[in-house]
Amino acid sequence: MLQSMEQKRTRPANRPSRRPEIVRAAVDLLSVQLPDAISVGDIAAQAGMTPAAFYYHFPSKDDLLNEIVASFAAEWVDELTARLGKVQTVGEVPDLVAMMISWLDDHERPATVYFVTSVAATEKAEETRRKARNDVYSVAIAAVRRVWPEGTAAETGVAGVALVILLEVSARSRLQVDESYRGLGPVRFRAAAASLARGLVPAAS
C-alpha cells in the first residue's frame, strides 16, 4: 500500500501530449501520399506509437488532416497579409511573388499537404481553404488599390484576385515539381512568376 502511494506521488501529474509528434508524422506521410493511401496505423507507426495512442489525441484521420490544413492556412494568410501590407509600389508586387515562392521552400511539407495532397479530401478542409483564399483576396485587392490608385474598382479587384491565383498556381507548380518547374529550375521559375505578376498591375504613367 505504501509502495503504491509512493508510486503515485512520483508519477508525473500530466503526461506530455504527443499531438505534435502525430502531426509531424502525418505531415511527413501526407506530403508524399494522398490521404486515402494512408491509414491511422501508418501515421501511428511513423510517430512511433500505437493506433490507440493516436485515437487518444485525435478522433479520426480526417480530424487530424483538418487540423493540419487549418494550421497551414493560418500561417499562409498571416505571411501573405504581412507582406502585402508592406507593398507600397507597383514594382514591389513581382518581388512579393518571388519571395512567397521562396518562403514555400522553408515550409515545403505542410505546404504540399495544403496545396496538393489534401485538396478535396474533406469538406471541412475545403471550407478552410475557401475562407483562407477569400481572406487573402481582400488583402491583395487592398494592396493593389494602394499601389494603383488610378485603377477602377473592377480593375483593381480583378488584379488582386489574379495575384492570389498566380500565387496559388505557382505554389502548386513548385510543390509538385511539375514540368514547368523542372524545365525552368528554381531561379528562372521565380523570375517567370514575378514577370507574370508584373503584368497584373500597370506601372504609373
N, C-alpha and C. Protein backbone atom coordinates (compact mmCIF):
# COMPACT_ATOMS: atom_id res chain seq x y z
N MET A 1 0.83 -1.21 0.00
CA MET A 1 0.00 0.00 0.00
C MET A 1 0.86 1.25 0.00
N LEU A 2 1.89 1.25 0.91
CA LEU A 2 2.79 2.40 0.96
C LEU A 2 3.56 2.56 -0.34
N GLN A 3 3.97 1.44 -0.93
CA GLN A 3 4.69 1.48 -2.20
C GLN A 3 3.82 2.06 -3.30
N SER A 4 2.54 1.66 -3.31
CA SER A 4 1.61 2.17 -4.31
C SER A 4 1.42 3.67 -4.17
N MET A 5 1.32 4.16 -2.92
CA MET A 5 1.17 5.59 -2.69
C MET A 5 2.42 6.35 -3.12
N GLU A 6 3.58 5.75 -2.89
CA GLU A 6 4.84 6.38 -3.29
C GLU A 6 4.93 6.49 -4.80
N GLN A 7 4.48 5.46 -5.52
CA GLN A 7 4.49 5.49 -6.98
C GLN A 7 3.59 6.59 -7.51
N LYS A 8 2.44 6.78 -6.88
CA LYS A 8 1.52 7.82 -7.31
C LYS A 8 2.12 9.20 -7.11
N ARG A 9 2.88 9.35 -6.00
CA ARG A 9 3.48 10.66 -5.73
C ARG A 9 4.58 11.00 -6.73
N THR A 10 5.31 9.99 -7.19
CA THR A 10 6.45 10.25 -8.09
C THR A 10 6.04 10.27 -9.55
N ARG A 11 4.84 9.80 -9.90
CA ARG A 11 4.38 9.78 -11.29
C ARG A 11 4.02 11.20 -11.72
N PRO A 12 4.40 11.63 -12.93
CA PRO A 12 4.05 12.98 -13.40
C PRO A 12 2.54 13.20 -13.37
N ALA A 13 2.13 14.39 -12.96
CA ALA A 13 0.71 14.70 -12.84
C ALA A 13 0.02 14.63 -14.19
N ASN A 14 0.69 15.14 -15.22
CA ASN A 14 0.11 15.14 -16.56
C ASN A 14 1.10 14.57 -17.56
N ARG A 15 0.65 13.59 -18.31
CA ARG A 15 1.51 13.01 -19.34
C ARG A 15 1.65 14.02 -20.48
N PRO A 16 2.89 14.29 -20.94
CA PRO A 16 3.06 15.24 -22.04
C PRO A 16 2.28 14.83 -23.28
N SER A 17 1.65 15.78 -23.93
CA SER A 17 0.87 15.48 -25.13
C SER A 17 1.80 15.08 -26.27
N ARG A 18 1.37 14.10 -27.02
CA ARG A 18 2.15 13.66 -28.17
C ARG A 18 1.52 14.13 -29.47
N ARG A 19 0.59 15.08 -29.37
CA ARG A 19 -0.05 15.63 -30.56
C ARG A 19 0.97 16.16 -31.57
N PRO A 20 1.97 16.95 -31.13
CA PRO A 20 2.94 17.46 -32.12
C PRO A 20 3.65 16.36 -32.89
N GLU A 21 3.96 15.25 -32.20
CA GLU A 21 4.62 14.13 -32.88
C GLU A 21 3.71 13.51 -33.94
N ILE A 22 2.44 13.40 -33.60
CA ILE A 22 1.47 12.82 -34.54
C ILE A 22 1.32 13.73 -35.75
N VAL A 23 1.23 15.04 -35.50
CA VAL A 23 1.09 16.00 -36.60
C VAL A 23 2.30 15.94 -37.51
N ARG A 24 3.50 15.93 -36.93
CA ARG A 24 4.71 15.85 -37.76
C ARG A 24 4.75 14.58 -38.59
N ALA A 25 4.38 13.46 -37.96
CA ALA A 25 4.37 12.18 -38.68
C ALA A 25 3.37 12.21 -39.83
N ALA A 26 2.20 12.78 -39.58
CA ALA A 26 1.17 12.84 -40.62
C ALA A 26 1.61 13.75 -41.76
N VAL A 27 2.21 14.87 -41.43
CA VAL A 27 2.70 15.79 -42.48
C VAL A 27 3.76 15.10 -43.33
N ASP A 28 4.66 14.37 -42.69
CA ASP A 28 5.70 13.64 -43.43
C ASP A 28 5.07 12.68 -44.44
N LEU A 29 4.04 11.95 -44.01
CA LEU A 29 3.40 10.98 -44.89
C LEU A 29 2.52 11.65 -45.94
N LEU A 30 1.74 12.63 -45.51
CA LEU A 30 0.80 13.29 -46.42
C LEU A 30 1.49 14.16 -47.46
N SER A 31 2.72 14.52 -47.21
CA SER A 31 3.43 15.33 -48.20
C SER A 31 3.89 14.51 -49.40
N VAL A 32 3.80 13.19 -49.28
CA VAL A 32 4.22 12.34 -50.40
C VAL A 32 3.14 11.36 -50.85
N GLN A 33 2.01 11.28 -50.10
CA GLN A 33 0.94 10.36 -50.45
C GLN A 33 -0.41 11.04 -50.26
N LEU A 34 -1.41 10.58 -50.98
CA LEU A 34 -2.77 11.08 -50.81
C LEU A 34 -3.35 10.51 -49.50
N PRO A 35 -4.27 11.25 -48.87
CA PRO A 35 -4.85 10.78 -47.61
C PRO A 35 -5.45 9.37 -47.68
N ASP A 36 -6.10 9.04 -48.80
CA ASP A 36 -6.73 7.73 -48.92
C ASP A 36 -5.72 6.58 -48.88
N ALA A 37 -4.47 6.89 -49.18
CA ALA A 37 -3.44 5.85 -49.20
C ALA A 37 -2.77 5.66 -47.85
N ILE A 38 -3.18 6.47 -46.87
CA ILE A 38 -2.54 6.44 -45.55
C ILE A 38 -3.58 6.06 -44.49
N SER A 39 -3.21 5.15 -43.62
CA SER A 39 -4.11 4.74 -42.54
C SER A 39 -3.67 5.33 -41.21
N VAL A 40 -4.55 5.25 -40.23
CA VAL A 40 -4.19 5.67 -38.88
C VAL A 40 -2.99 4.86 -38.39
N GLY A 41 -2.97 3.58 -38.73
CA GLY A 41 -1.84 2.74 -38.34
C GLY A 41 -0.53 3.22 -38.93
N ASP A 42 -0.58 3.69 -40.17
CA ASP A 42 0.62 4.21 -40.81
C ASP A 42 1.14 5.44 -40.07
N ILE A 43 0.22 6.33 -39.72
CA ILE A 43 0.61 7.55 -39.01
C ILE A 43 1.17 7.22 -37.63
N ALA A 44 0.49 6.32 -36.93
CA ALA A 44 0.94 5.92 -35.60
C ALA A 44 2.34 5.30 -35.67
N ALA A 45 2.55 4.42 -36.65
CA ALA A 45 3.86 3.79 -36.80
C ALA A 45 4.93 4.82 -37.10
N GLN A 46 4.62 5.79 -37.97
CA GLN A 46 5.57 6.85 -38.30
C GLN A 46 5.93 7.67 -37.07
N ALA A 47 4.96 7.83 -36.16
CA ALA A 47 5.19 8.59 -34.93
C ALA A 47 5.78 7.74 -33.81
N GLY A 48 5.91 6.44 -34.05
CA GLY A 48 6.47 5.55 -33.04
C GLY A 48 5.52 5.27 -31.90
N MET A 49 4.24 5.10 -32.21
CA MET A 49 3.25 4.83 -31.18
C MET A 49 2.20 3.87 -31.71
N THR A 50 1.23 3.55 -30.89
CA THR A 50 0.17 2.62 -31.28
C THR A 50 -1.03 3.41 -31.82
N PRO A 51 -1.90 2.75 -32.60
CA PRO A 51 -3.13 3.42 -33.03
C PRO A 51 -3.96 3.93 -31.85
N ALA A 52 -3.93 3.20 -30.73
CA ALA A 52 -4.67 3.64 -29.55
C ALA A 52 -4.17 5.00 -29.07
N ALA A 53 -2.86 5.20 -29.14
CA ALA A 53 -2.30 6.50 -28.74
C ALA A 53 -2.75 7.59 -29.70
N PHE A 54 -2.85 7.24 -30.97
CA PHE A 54 -3.36 8.22 -31.95
C PHE A 54 -4.77 8.65 -31.57
N TYR A 55 -5.64 7.67 -31.32
CA TYR A 55 -7.04 7.98 -31.02
C TYR A 55 -7.21 8.68 -29.67
N TYR A 56 -6.20 8.59 -28.82
CA TYR A 56 -6.23 9.35 -27.57
C TYR A 56 -6.19 10.85 -27.86
N HIS A 57 -5.51 11.22 -28.96
CA HIS A 57 -5.31 12.64 -29.30
C HIS A 57 -6.24 13.14 -30.40
N PHE A 58 -6.64 12.26 -31.32
CA PHE A 58 -7.47 12.66 -32.45
C PHE A 58 -8.61 11.66 -32.66
N PRO A 59 -9.83 12.15 -32.88
CA PRO A 59 -10.95 11.23 -33.11
C PRO A 59 -10.81 10.43 -34.40
N SER A 60 -10.17 11.03 -35.41
CA SER A 60 -10.07 10.33 -36.70
C SER A 60 -8.93 10.93 -37.53
N LYS A 61 -8.61 10.25 -38.60
CA LYS A 61 -7.60 10.75 -39.53
C LYS A 61 -8.05 12.07 -40.17
N ASP A 62 -9.35 12.17 -40.47
CA ASP A 62 -9.87 13.40 -41.08
C ASP A 62 -9.72 14.59 -40.14
N ASP A 63 -9.95 14.36 -38.84
CA ASP A 63 -9.79 15.46 -37.88
C ASP A 63 -8.34 15.94 -37.85
N LEU A 64 -7.41 15.01 -37.92
CA LEU A 64 -6.00 15.38 -37.96
C LEU A 64 -5.69 16.15 -39.24
N LEU A 65 -6.18 15.67 -40.36
CA LEU A 65 -5.95 16.35 -41.63
C LEU A 65 -6.52 17.77 -41.59
N ASN A 66 -7.71 17.91 -41.05
CA ASN A 66 -8.32 19.23 -40.96
C ASN A 66 -7.48 20.18 -40.11
N GLU A 67 -6.91 19.65 -39.05
CA GLU A 67 -6.06 20.49 -38.18
C GLU A 67 -4.80 20.93 -38.92
N ILE A 68 -4.21 20.03 -39.69
CA ILE A 68 -3.01 20.37 -40.45
C ILE A 68 -3.32 21.45 -41.48
N VAL A 69 -4.43 21.29 -42.19
CA VAL A 69 -4.83 22.27 -43.19
C VAL A 69 -5.11 23.62 -42.55
N ALA A 70 -5.82 23.62 -41.43
CA ALA A 70 -6.15 24.88 -40.75
C ALA A 70 -4.91 25.58 -40.24
N SER A 71 -3.96 24.81 -39.73
CA SER A 71 -2.72 25.39 -39.21
C SER A 71 -1.92 26.07 -40.32
N PHE A 72 -1.78 25.37 -41.45
CA PHE A 72 -1.02 25.98 -42.54
C PHE A 72 -1.78 27.15 -43.15
N ALA A 73 -3.10 27.04 -43.26
CA ALA A 73 -3.90 28.14 -43.82
C ALA A 73 -3.68 29.42 -43.02
N ALA A 74 -3.68 29.29 -41.70
CA ALA A 74 -3.46 30.47 -40.85
C ALA A 74 -2.07 31.06 -41.08
N GLU A 75 -1.08 30.20 -41.22
CA GLU A 75 0.28 30.67 -41.43
C GLU A 75 0.42 31.34 -42.81
N TRP A 76 -0.18 30.74 -43.82
CA TRP A 76 -0.15 31.28 -45.18
C TRP A 76 -0.82 32.65 -45.24
N VAL A 77 -2.00 32.76 -44.64
CA VAL A 77 -2.73 34.03 -44.64
C VAL A 77 -1.96 35.10 -43.87
N ASP A 78 -1.41 34.73 -42.72
CA ASP A 78 -0.65 35.70 -41.93
C ASP A 78 0.58 36.20 -42.68
N GLU A 79 1.29 35.27 -43.33
CA GLU A 79 2.51 35.65 -44.05
C GLU A 79 2.17 36.56 -45.23
N LEU A 80 1.16 36.18 -46.01
CA LEU A 80 0.78 36.99 -47.16
C LEU A 80 0.23 38.36 -46.72
N THR A 81 -0.56 38.35 -45.67
CA THR A 81 -1.11 39.61 -45.17
C THR A 81 0.00 40.56 -44.74
N ALA A 82 0.98 40.04 -44.03
CA ALA A 82 2.10 40.87 -43.58
C ALA A 82 2.90 41.42 -44.76
N ARG A 83 3.17 40.56 -45.74
CA ARG A 83 3.97 41.00 -46.88
C ARG A 83 3.19 41.95 -47.79
N LEU A 84 1.93 41.67 -48.01
CA LEU A 84 1.11 42.56 -48.84
C LEU A 84 0.92 43.92 -48.17
N GLY A 85 0.88 43.91 -46.85
CA GLY A 85 0.73 45.17 -46.12
C GLY A 85 1.92 46.09 -46.27
N LYS A 86 3.06 45.53 -46.63
CA LYS A 86 4.28 46.33 -46.79
C LYS A 86 4.49 46.82 -48.22
N VAL A 87 3.70 46.30 -49.15
CA VAL A 87 3.86 46.70 -50.56
C VAL A 87 3.36 48.13 -50.75
N GLN A 88 4.24 48.99 -51.25
CA GLN A 88 3.89 50.40 -51.43
C GLN A 88 3.98 50.88 -52.87
N THR A 89 4.63 50.09 -53.72
CA THR A 89 4.75 50.49 -55.12
C THR A 89 4.46 49.30 -56.03
N VAL A 90 4.11 49.61 -57.27
CA VAL A 90 3.84 48.57 -58.26
C VAL A 90 5.05 47.65 -58.43
N GLY A 91 6.22 48.22 -58.38
CA GLY A 91 7.44 47.44 -58.58
C GLY A 91 7.70 46.40 -57.52
N GLU A 92 7.07 46.53 -56.38
CA GLU A 92 7.26 45.56 -55.30
C GLU A 92 6.39 44.32 -55.45
N VAL A 93 5.38 44.38 -56.30
CA VAL A 93 4.46 43.25 -56.46
C VAL A 93 5.19 42.00 -57.00
N PRO A 94 5.99 42.12 -58.08
CA PRO A 94 6.72 40.94 -58.55
C PRO A 94 7.67 40.38 -57.50
N ASP A 95 8.30 41.27 -56.73
CA ASP A 95 9.22 40.81 -55.69
C ASP A 95 8.48 39.99 -54.65
N LEU A 96 7.26 40.41 -54.33
CA LEU A 96 6.47 39.67 -53.34
C LEU A 96 6.20 38.25 -53.82
N VAL A 97 5.84 38.10 -55.09
CA VAL A 97 5.56 36.77 -55.64
C VAL A 97 6.80 35.89 -55.54
N ALA A 98 7.94 36.41 -55.94
CA ALA A 98 9.18 35.64 -55.88
C ALA A 98 9.52 35.27 -54.44
N MET A 99 9.30 36.19 -53.50
CA MET A 99 9.62 35.92 -52.10
C MET A 99 8.69 34.86 -51.51
N MET A 100 7.42 34.88 -51.90
CA MET A 100 6.50 33.88 -51.38
C MET A 100 6.82 32.49 -51.90
N ILE A 101 7.29 32.40 -53.13
CA ILE A 101 7.71 31.10 -53.66
C ILE A 101 8.92 30.59 -52.89
N SER A 102 9.83 31.50 -52.57
CA SER A 102 11.00 31.12 -51.76
C SER A 102 10.57 30.72 -50.35
N TRP A 103 9.57 31.41 -49.81
CA TRP A 103 9.06 31.08 -48.48
C TRP A 103 8.55 29.65 -48.44
N LEU A 104 7.95 29.21 -49.53
CA LEU A 104 7.45 27.84 -49.59
C LEU A 104 8.57 26.82 -49.44
N ASP A 105 9.77 27.16 -49.86
CA ASP A 105 10.90 26.24 -49.72
C ASP A 105 11.14 25.86 -48.27
N ASP A 106 10.86 26.81 -47.36
CA ASP A 106 11.07 26.56 -45.93
C ASP A 106 9.86 25.93 -45.26
N HIS A 107 8.77 25.77 -46.00
CA HIS A 107 7.54 25.19 -45.46
C HIS A 107 7.02 24.11 -46.42
N GLU A 108 7.95 23.42 -47.05
CA GLU A 108 7.60 22.56 -48.18
C GLU A 108 6.61 21.46 -47.83
N ARG A 109 6.83 20.75 -46.74
CA ARG A 109 5.96 19.60 -46.45
C ARG A 109 4.53 20.02 -46.08
N PRO A 110 4.34 20.90 -45.09
CA PRO A 110 2.95 21.29 -44.81
C PRO A 110 2.30 22.03 -45.99
N ALA A 111 3.10 22.77 -46.76
CA ALA A 111 2.56 23.46 -47.93
C ALA A 111 2.11 22.46 -48.98
N THR A 112 2.83 21.37 -49.14
CA THR A 112 2.44 20.34 -50.10
C THR A 112 1.13 19.68 -49.68
N VAL A 113 0.98 19.44 -48.40
CA VAL A 113 -0.29 18.89 -47.90
C VAL A 113 -1.43 19.86 -48.23
N TYR A 114 -1.20 21.13 -47.97
CA TYR A 114 -2.24 22.14 -48.15
C TYR A 114 -2.61 22.35 -49.62
N PHE A 115 -1.61 22.53 -50.46
CA PHE A 115 -1.86 22.89 -51.85
C PHE A 115 -2.03 21.70 -52.79
N VAL A 116 -1.58 20.53 -52.39
CA VAL A 116 -1.55 19.40 -53.33
C VAL A 116 -2.32 18.19 -52.82
N THR A 117 -1.82 17.52 -51.80
CA THR A 117 -2.34 16.19 -51.48
C THR A 117 -3.69 16.19 -50.77
N SER A 118 -4.00 17.27 -50.04
CA SER A 118 -5.25 17.27 -49.27
C SER A 118 -6.42 17.89 -50.01
N VAL A 119 -6.21 18.35 -51.22
CA VAL A 119 -7.28 19.02 -51.97
C VAL A 119 -8.45 18.06 -52.16
N ALA A 120 -9.65 18.51 -51.78
CA ALA A 120 -10.90 17.74 -51.89
C ALA A 120 -10.95 16.52 -50.97
N ALA A 121 -10.04 16.46 -49.99
CA ALA A 121 -10.02 15.29 -49.11
C ALA A 121 -11.18 15.30 -48.12
N THR A 122 -11.48 16.47 -47.56
CA THR A 122 -12.62 16.58 -46.63
C THR A 122 -13.34 17.91 -46.89
N GLU A 123 -14.60 17.95 -46.56
CA GLU A 123 -15.38 19.17 -46.76
C GLU A 123 -14.87 20.30 -45.85
N LYS A 124 -14.51 19.93 -44.63
CA LYS A 124 -14.02 20.96 -43.70
C LYS A 124 -12.72 21.58 -44.19
N ALA A 125 -11.84 20.76 -44.74
CA ALA A 125 -10.58 21.28 -45.28
C ALA A 125 -10.85 22.22 -46.44
N GLU A 126 -11.84 21.89 -47.26
CA GLU A 126 -12.19 22.77 -48.39
C GLU A 126 -12.78 24.09 -47.89
N GLU A 127 -13.57 24.03 -46.84
CA GLU A 127 -14.11 25.25 -46.26
C GLU A 127 -12.98 26.14 -45.73
N THR A 128 -12.00 25.51 -45.10
CA THR A 128 -10.84 26.25 -44.59
C THR A 128 -10.09 26.92 -45.72
N ARG A 129 -9.90 26.18 -46.82
CA ARG A 129 -9.18 26.73 -47.97
C ARG A 129 -9.96 27.89 -48.59
N ARG A 130 -11.27 27.74 -48.71
CA ARG A 130 -12.09 28.82 -49.28
C ARG A 130 -12.02 30.08 -48.43
N LYS A 131 -12.11 29.91 -47.13
CA LYS A 131 -12.04 31.08 -46.24
C LYS A 131 -10.68 31.74 -46.33
N ALA A 132 -9.62 30.94 -46.33
CA ALA A 132 -8.27 31.50 -46.43
C ALA A 132 -8.10 32.27 -47.74
N ARG A 133 -8.61 31.69 -48.82
CA ARG A 133 -8.49 32.35 -50.13
C ARG A 133 -9.26 33.67 -50.14
N ASN A 134 -10.46 33.68 -49.57
CA ASN A 134 -11.24 34.91 -49.52
C ASN A 134 -10.57 35.97 -48.66
N ASP A 135 -9.97 35.54 -47.55
CA ASP A 135 -9.25 36.49 -46.70
C ASP A 135 -8.10 37.13 -47.46
N VAL A 136 -7.37 36.31 -48.21
CA VAL A 136 -6.23 36.82 -48.96
C VAL A 136 -6.68 37.69 -50.12
N TYR A 137 -7.80 37.32 -50.76
CA TYR A 137 -8.35 38.17 -51.82
C TYR A 137 -8.52 39.60 -51.32
N SER A 138 -9.13 39.76 -50.16
CA SER A 138 -9.40 41.09 -49.62
C SER A 138 -8.12 41.88 -49.40
N VAL A 139 -7.12 41.21 -48.85
CA VAL A 139 -5.85 41.89 -48.58
C VAL A 139 -5.13 42.24 -49.88
N ALA A 140 -5.16 41.31 -50.85
CA ALA A 140 -4.49 41.56 -52.13
C ALA A 140 -5.15 42.70 -52.90
N ILE A 141 -6.47 42.73 -52.89
CA ILE A 141 -7.18 43.81 -53.58
C ILE A 141 -6.85 45.15 -52.94
N ALA A 142 -6.81 45.19 -51.61
CA ALA A 142 -6.46 46.44 -50.91
C ALA A 142 -5.05 46.88 -51.27
N ALA A 143 -4.13 45.92 -51.38
CA ALA A 143 -2.75 46.27 -51.74
C ALA A 143 -2.67 46.81 -53.17
N VAL A 144 -3.40 46.19 -54.09
CA VAL A 144 -3.39 46.65 -55.48
C VAL A 144 -3.97 48.06 -55.58
N ARG A 145 -5.04 48.30 -54.84
CA ARG A 145 -5.65 49.64 -54.87
C ARG A 145 -4.69 50.69 -54.30
N ARG A 146 -3.90 50.28 -53.34
CA ARG A 146 -2.94 51.22 -52.74
C ARG A 146 -1.85 51.61 -53.72
N VAL A 147 -1.36 50.64 -54.50
CA VAL A 147 -0.25 50.93 -55.41
C VAL A 147 -0.73 51.37 -56.79
N TRP A 148 -2.02 51.19 -57.05
CA TRP A 148 -2.59 51.56 -58.36
C TRP A 148 -3.86 52.39 -58.14
N PRO A 149 -3.72 53.58 -57.60
CA PRO A 149 -4.90 54.40 -57.29
C PRO A 149 -5.68 54.82 -58.53
N GLU A 150 -5.02 54.79 -59.70
CA GLU A 150 -5.72 55.17 -60.93
C GLU A 150 -6.68 54.09 -61.41
N GLY A 151 -6.51 52.88 -60.94
CA GLY A 151 -7.34 51.77 -61.39
C GLY A 151 -8.75 51.88 -60.86
N THR A 152 -9.70 51.41 -61.64
CA THR A 152 -11.09 51.38 -61.19
C THR A 152 -11.28 50.27 -60.17
N ALA A 153 -12.42 50.26 -59.51
CA ALA A 153 -12.71 49.21 -58.53
C ALA A 153 -12.69 47.83 -59.20
N ALA A 154 -13.24 47.77 -60.42
CA ALA A 154 -13.26 46.49 -61.15
C ALA A 154 -11.84 46.06 -61.52
N GLU A 155 -11.04 47.00 -62.01
CA GLU A 155 -9.67 46.68 -62.44
C GLU A 155 -8.82 46.22 -61.26
N THR A 156 -8.88 46.93 -60.16
CA THR A 156 -8.07 46.56 -59.01
C THR A 156 -8.58 45.26 -58.37
N GLY A 157 -9.89 45.05 -58.44
CA GLY A 157 -10.44 43.81 -57.91
C GLY A 157 -9.97 42.61 -58.69
N VAL A 158 -10.02 42.72 -60.02
CA VAL A 158 -9.57 41.63 -60.88
C VAL A 158 -8.07 41.38 -60.69
N ALA A 159 -7.30 42.46 -60.60
CA ALA A 159 -5.85 42.32 -60.44
C ALA A 159 -5.50 41.66 -59.10
N GLY A 160 -6.23 42.03 -58.04
CA GLY A 160 -5.96 41.43 -56.73
C GLY A 160 -6.28 39.94 -56.71
N VAL A 161 -7.42 39.59 -57.29
CA VAL A 161 -7.79 38.17 -57.36
C VAL A 161 -6.78 37.40 -58.23
N ALA A 162 -6.39 37.98 -59.35
CA ALA A 162 -5.43 37.33 -60.25
C ALA A 162 -4.09 37.13 -59.55
N LEU A 163 -3.71 38.07 -58.70
CA LEU A 163 -2.44 37.94 -57.97
C LEU A 163 -2.48 36.73 -57.04
N VAL A 164 -3.59 36.54 -56.35
CA VAL A 164 -3.73 35.40 -55.44
C VAL A 164 -3.74 34.09 -56.23
N ILE A 165 -4.45 34.08 -57.35
CA ILE A 165 -4.48 32.87 -58.19
C ILE A 165 -3.09 32.54 -58.70
N LEU A 166 -2.35 33.57 -59.12
CA LEU A 166 -0.97 33.35 -59.58
C LEU A 166 -0.12 32.74 -58.47
N LEU A 167 -0.28 33.23 -57.25
CA LEU A 167 0.49 32.70 -56.13
C LEU A 167 0.14 31.23 -55.87
N GLU A 168 -1.15 30.90 -55.94
CA GLU A 168 -1.57 29.52 -55.67
C GLU A 168 -1.12 28.57 -56.79
N VAL A 169 -1.25 29.01 -58.03
CA VAL A 169 -0.81 28.17 -59.15
C VAL A 169 0.70 27.97 -59.09
N SER A 170 1.42 29.03 -58.79
CA SER A 170 2.88 28.93 -58.67
C SER A 170 3.26 28.00 -57.53
N ALA A 171 2.52 28.08 -56.43
CA ALA A 171 2.79 27.21 -55.29
C ALA A 171 2.62 25.74 -55.67
N ARG A 172 1.52 25.42 -56.33
CA ARG A 172 1.29 24.02 -56.73
C ARG A 172 2.35 23.54 -57.72
N SER A 173 2.71 24.41 -58.65
CA SER A 173 3.74 24.04 -59.63
C SER A 173 5.06 23.76 -58.94
N ARG A 174 5.43 24.63 -58.00
CA ARG A 174 6.68 24.46 -57.26
C ARG A 174 6.65 23.20 -56.40
N LEU A 175 5.56 22.97 -55.69
CA LEU A 175 5.49 21.87 -54.74
C LEU A 175 5.34 20.51 -55.42
N GLN A 176 4.68 20.50 -56.58
CA GLN A 176 4.56 19.26 -57.34
C GLN A 176 5.78 19.01 -58.20
N VAL A 177 6.64 20.00 -58.29
CA VAL A 177 7.81 19.95 -59.17
C VAL A 177 7.33 19.51 -60.56
N ASP A 178 6.38 20.26 -61.10
CA ASP A 178 5.79 19.89 -62.38
C ASP A 178 6.72 20.22 -63.55
N GLU A 179 6.22 20.01 -64.75
CA GLU A 179 7.06 20.16 -65.94
C GLU A 179 7.63 21.57 -66.07
N SER A 180 6.81 22.58 -65.80
CA SER A 180 7.29 23.95 -65.94
C SER A 180 8.38 24.26 -64.92
N TYR A 181 8.21 23.75 -63.69
CA TYR A 181 9.23 24.00 -62.66
C TYR A 181 10.52 23.26 -62.99
N ARG A 182 10.38 22.00 -63.42
CA ARG A 182 11.57 21.23 -63.77
C ARG A 182 12.30 21.86 -64.96
N GLY A 183 11.53 22.34 -65.93
CA GLY A 183 12.14 22.91 -67.13
C GLY A 183 12.87 24.20 -66.86
N LEU A 184 12.32 25.02 -65.98
CA LEU A 184 12.92 26.33 -65.71
C LEU A 184 13.97 26.28 -64.60
N GLY A 185 13.75 25.43 -63.62
CA GLY A 185 14.63 25.43 -62.45
C GLY A 185 14.16 26.49 -61.46
N PRO A 186 14.61 26.42 -60.20
CA PRO A 186 14.10 27.31 -59.16
C PRO A 186 14.26 28.80 -59.45
N VAL A 187 15.42 29.22 -59.90
CA VAL A 187 15.69 30.66 -60.10
C VAL A 187 14.86 31.21 -61.24
N ARG A 188 14.88 30.54 -62.38
CA ARG A 188 14.12 31.03 -63.53
C ARG A 188 12.62 30.91 -63.31
N PHE A 189 12.19 29.91 -62.53
CA PHE A 189 10.77 29.78 -62.23
C PHE A 189 10.28 30.97 -61.42
N ARG A 190 11.03 31.35 -60.40
CA ARG A 190 10.65 32.51 -59.60
C ARG A 190 10.63 33.77 -60.46
N ALA A 191 11.61 33.88 -61.34
CA ALA A 191 11.66 35.06 -62.22
C ALA A 191 10.45 35.08 -63.17
N ALA A 192 10.05 33.93 -63.67
CA ALA A 192 8.91 33.86 -64.59
C ALA A 192 7.62 34.22 -63.87
N ALA A 193 7.46 33.73 -62.64
CA ALA A 193 6.26 34.06 -61.87
C ALA A 193 6.22 35.55 -61.55
N ALA A 194 7.38 36.11 -61.23
CA ALA A 194 7.46 37.54 -60.94
C ALA A 194 7.11 38.35 -62.19
N SER A 195 7.54 37.87 -63.33
CA SER A 195 7.25 38.56 -64.59
C SER A 195 5.74 38.56 -64.87
N LEU A 196 5.09 37.46 -64.59
CA LEU A 196 3.64 37.40 -64.76
C LEU A 196 2.94 38.38 -63.81
N ALA A 197 3.44 38.48 -62.59
CA ALA A 197 2.86 39.42 -61.63
C ALA A 197 3.03 40.86 -62.09
N ARG A 198 4.13 41.12 -62.77
CA ARG A 198 4.40 42.47 -63.25
C ARG A 198 3.33 42.92 -64.23
N GLY A 199 2.76 41.99 -64.97
CA GLY A 199 1.74 42.34 -65.95
C GLY A 199 0.35 42.53 -65.37
N LEU A 200 0.18 42.21 -64.07
CA LEU A 200 -1.14 42.33 -63.46
C LEU A 200 -1.50 43.75 -63.07
N VAL A 201 -0.48 44.53 -62.70
CA VAL A 201 -0.71 45.90 -62.23
C VAL A 201 0.10 46.86 -63.08
N PRO A 202 -0.55 47.72 -63.85
CA PRO A 202 0.20 48.65 -64.71
C PRO A 202 1.07 49.61 -63.89
N ALA A 203 2.21 49.94 -64.44
CA ALA A 203 3.08 50.94 -63.81
C ALA A 203 2.43 52.31 -63.98
N ALA A 204 2.71 53.20 -63.03
CA ALA A 204 2.13 54.56 -63.10
C ALA A 204 2.61 55.27 -64.35
N SER A 205 1.67 55.92 -65.02
CA SER A 205 2.04 56.63 -66.24
C SER A 205 2.51 58.04 -65.95
